[in-house]
Amino acid sequence: MADWGPVLVATLLFVVLTPGLLFQIPGGQRVVCFGNMQTSGASILVHAVIYLCLITIFLVAIGVHIYAG
């Protein structure tokens, strides 16, 4: 049986944490900008660190597993 948990969690977090799609930290003139569809090097770094922290929590600490088949 295949474990689809890591694949689904990683894909969902990647889509949600894309800088500028839903939010951007740090924003252009503010700390957080919502839905501006722009990005910068600093926001890419911040979103990558947030992604790493969340993926570690969900996959290592909690251990999300979804079995199909």
N, C-alpha and C. Protein backbone atom coordinates (compact mmCIF):
# COMPACT_ATOMS: atom_id res chain seq x y z
N MET A 1 0.84 -1.19 0.00
CA MET A 1 0.00 0.00 0.00
C MET A 1 0.88 1.25 0.00
N ALA A 2 0.46 2.21 -0.77
CA ALA A 2 1.24 3.45 -0.90
C ALA A 2 0.83 4.46 0.17
N ASP A 3 1.82 5.15 0.71
CA ASP A 3 1.58 6.19 1.72
C ASP A 3 1.56 7.54 1.01
N TRP A 4 0.36 8.12 0.86
CA TRP A 4 0.18 9.38 0.15
C TRP A 4 0.19 10.58 1.08
N GLY A 5 0.34 10.41 2.37
CA GLY A 5 0.33 11.50 3.32
C GLY A 5 1.40 12.55 3.06
N PRO A 6 2.67 12.17 2.96
CA PRO A 6 3.71 13.16 2.70
C PRO A 6 3.52 13.90 1.38
N VAL A 7 3.06 13.21 0.36
CA VAL A 7 2.86 13.84 -0.95
C VAL A 7 1.77 14.90 -0.87
N LEU A 8 0.64 14.55 -0.27
CA LEU A 8 -0.47 15.49 -0.18
C LEU A 8 -0.16 16.67 0.73
N VAL A 9 0.48 16.42 1.85
CA VAL A 9 0.84 17.52 2.76
C VAL A 9 1.83 18.47 2.11
N ALA A 10 2.85 17.94 1.45
CA ALA A 10 3.85 18.78 0.80
C ALA A 10 3.23 19.60 -0.33
N THR A 11 2.35 19.00 -1.12
CA THR A 11 1.71 19.72 -2.22
C THR A 11 0.79 20.81 -1.70
N LEU A 12 -0.01 20.50 -0.70
CA LEU A 12 -0.92 21.49 -0.13
C LEU A 12 -0.17 22.66 0.48
N LEU A 13 0.87 22.38 1.25
CA LEU A 13 1.66 23.46 1.84
C LEU A 13 2.38 24.28 0.79
N PHE A 14 2.87 23.65 -0.27
CA PHE A 14 3.55 24.38 -1.33
C PHE A 14 2.60 25.37 -2.01
N VAL A 15 1.38 24.93 -2.28
CA VAL A 15 0.41 25.81 -2.93
C VAL A 15 -0.01 26.94 -2.00
N VAL A 16 -0.28 26.63 -0.75
CA VAL A 16 -0.75 27.64 0.20
C VAL A 16 0.35 28.64 0.53
N LEU A 17 1.59 28.20 0.62
CA LEU A 17 2.69 29.08 1.03
C LEU A 17 3.46 29.69 -0.14
N THR A 18 2.91 29.66 -1.34
CA THR A 18 3.54 30.34 -2.46
C THR A 18 3.51 31.84 -2.20
N PRO A 19 4.66 32.51 -2.17
CA PRO A 19 4.67 33.94 -1.84
C PRO A 19 3.84 34.76 -2.83
N GLY A 20 2.92 35.56 -2.30
CA GLY A 20 2.10 36.43 -3.11
C GLY A 20 0.77 35.85 -3.52
N LEU A 21 0.59 34.54 -3.41
CA LEU A 21 -0.68 33.94 -3.82
C LEU A 21 -1.78 34.28 -2.82
N LEU A 22 -1.65 33.84 -1.59
CA LEU A 22 -2.61 34.20 -0.55
C LEU A 22 -2.11 35.36 0.29
N PHE A 23 -0.84 35.29 0.67
CA PHE A 23 -0.24 36.36 1.47
C PHE A 23 1.25 36.41 1.19
N GLN A 24 1.87 37.52 1.60
CA GLN A 24 3.31 37.68 1.42
C GLN A 24 3.89 38.30 2.68
N ILE A 25 4.88 37.61 3.25
CA ILE A 25 5.59 38.11 4.44
C ILE A 25 7.06 38.22 4.07
N PRO A 26 7.77 39.27 4.17
CA PRO A 26 7.33 40.65 4.37
C PRO A 26 6.78 41.23 3.08
N GLY A 27 5.78 42.07 3.21
CA GLY A 27 5.16 42.70 2.05
C GLY A 27 5.97 43.88 1.57
N GLY A 28 5.46 44.58 0.57
CA GLY A 28 6.17 45.72 0.02
C GLY A 28 6.23 46.89 1.00
N GLN A 29 5.06 47.41 1.38
CA GLN A 29 5.01 48.54 2.30
C GLN A 29 4.55 48.14 3.69
N ARG A 30 4.02 46.95 3.83
CA ARG A 30 3.51 46.47 5.12
C ARG A 30 4.23 45.18 5.50
N VAL A 31 3.94 44.71 6.71
CA VAL A 31 4.53 43.45 7.15
C VAL A 31 3.91 42.28 6.39
N VAL A 32 2.58 42.31 6.22
CA VAL A 32 1.87 41.25 5.50
C VAL A 32 1.00 41.88 4.43
N CYS A 33 1.13 41.41 3.20
CA CYS A 33 0.27 41.83 2.10
C CYS A 33 -0.54 40.61 1.66
N PHE A 34 -1.82 40.82 1.37
CA PHE A 34 -2.69 39.72 0.98
C PHE A 34 -3.04 39.80 -0.50
N GLY A 35 -2.80 38.72 -1.23
CA GLY A 35 -3.21 38.58 -2.62
C GLY A 35 -2.63 39.60 -3.57
N ASN A 36 -1.38 39.99 -3.41
CA ASN A 36 -0.81 41.00 -4.30
C ASN A 36 -0.13 40.40 -5.53
N MET A 37 0.07 39.09 -5.58
CA MET A 37 0.68 38.37 -6.70
C MET A 37 2.07 38.90 -7.06
N GLN A 38 2.81 39.40 -6.07
CA GLN A 38 4.19 39.83 -6.27
C GLN A 38 5.07 39.12 -5.25
N THR A 39 6.36 39.13 -5.46
CA THR A 39 7.26 38.46 -4.53
C THR A 39 8.61 39.17 -4.50
N SER A 40 9.40 38.84 -3.52
CA SER A 40 10.76 39.38 -3.41
C SER A 40 11.65 38.28 -2.84
N GLY A 41 12.94 38.52 -2.83
CA GLY A 41 13.87 37.53 -2.30
C GLY A 41 13.66 37.26 -0.82
N ALA A 42 13.38 38.33 -0.07
CA ALA A 42 13.15 38.16 1.37
C ALA A 42 11.89 37.35 1.64
N SER A 43 10.83 37.58 0.87
CA SER A 43 9.60 36.82 1.09
C SER A 43 9.77 35.36 0.69
N ILE A 44 10.56 35.09 -0.33
CA ILE A 44 10.84 33.69 -0.70
C ILE A 44 11.56 32.98 0.43
N LEU A 45 12.53 33.64 1.04
CA LEU A 45 13.27 33.05 2.15
C LEU A 45 12.37 32.81 3.36
N VAL A 46 11.53 33.77 3.70
CA VAL A 46 10.63 33.63 4.84
C VAL A 46 9.63 32.50 4.60
N HIS A 47 9.05 32.44 3.40
CA HIS A 47 8.08 31.39 3.11
C HIS A 47 8.75 30.02 3.07
N ALA A 48 10.00 29.94 2.63
CA ALA A 48 10.73 28.66 2.63
C ALA A 48 10.97 28.17 4.06
N VAL A 49 11.31 29.08 4.97
CA VAL A 49 11.52 28.69 6.37
C VAL A 49 10.21 28.24 7.00
N ILE A 50 9.12 28.95 6.72
CA ILE A 50 7.80 28.55 7.24
C ILE A 50 7.42 27.19 6.69
N TYR A 51 7.65 26.95 5.39
CA TYR A 51 7.36 25.67 4.75
C TYR A 51 8.15 24.55 5.41
N LEU A 52 9.44 24.77 5.63
CA LEU A 52 10.29 23.76 6.26
C LEU A 52 9.80 23.41 7.66
N CYS A 53 9.44 24.43 8.44
CA CYS A 53 8.95 24.19 9.79
C CYS A 53 7.64 23.41 9.79
N LEU A 54 6.70 23.80 8.93
CA LEU A 54 5.41 23.12 8.89
C LEU A 54 5.51 21.71 8.35
N ILE A 55 6.32 21.49 7.32
CA ILE A 55 6.46 20.14 6.77
C ILE A 55 7.13 19.22 7.79
N THR A 56 8.06 19.74 8.57
CA THR A 56 8.70 18.95 9.62
C THR A 56 7.70 18.60 10.71
N ILE A 57 6.89 19.54 11.11
CA ILE A 57 5.88 19.28 12.14
C ILE A 57 4.88 18.23 11.67
N PHE A 58 4.35 18.40 10.46
CA PHE A 58 3.32 17.48 9.97
C PHE A 58 3.85 16.08 9.68
N LEU A 59 5.06 15.98 9.14
CA LEU A 59 5.54 14.66 8.72
C LEU A 59 6.36 13.94 9.78
N VAL A 60 7.14 14.67 10.55
CA VAL A 60 7.99 14.02 11.54
C VAL A 60 7.32 13.96 12.90
N ALA A 61 6.85 15.10 13.39
CA ALA A 61 6.29 15.14 14.74
C ALA A 61 4.91 14.50 14.81
N ILE A 62 4.02 14.86 13.90
CA ILE A 62 2.66 14.32 13.94
C ILE A 62 2.60 12.98 13.22
N GLY A 63 3.29 12.87 12.09
CA GLY A 63 3.31 11.62 11.33
C GLY A 63 2.04 11.39 10.54
N VAL A 64 1.74 12.28 9.61
CA VAL A 64 0.55 12.17 8.77
C VAL A 64 0.74 11.03 7.79
N HIS A 65 -0.22 10.09 7.78
CA HIS A 65 -0.18 8.95 6.85
C HIS A 65 -1.55 8.77 6.22
N ILE A 66 -1.58 8.65 4.90
CA ILE A 66 -2.81 8.37 4.16
C ILE A 66 -2.49 7.18 3.25
N TYR A 67 -3.12 6.07 3.50
CA TYR A 67 -2.87 4.86 2.70
C TYR A 67 -3.96 4.66 1.68
N ALA A 68 -3.57 4.39 0.46
CA ALA A 68 -4.52 4.14 -0.62
C ALA A 68 -4.20 2.80 -1.28
N GLY A 69 -5.22 2.11 -1.64
CA GLY A 69 -4.99 0.87 -2.38
C GLY A 69 -5.33 -0.28 -1.64
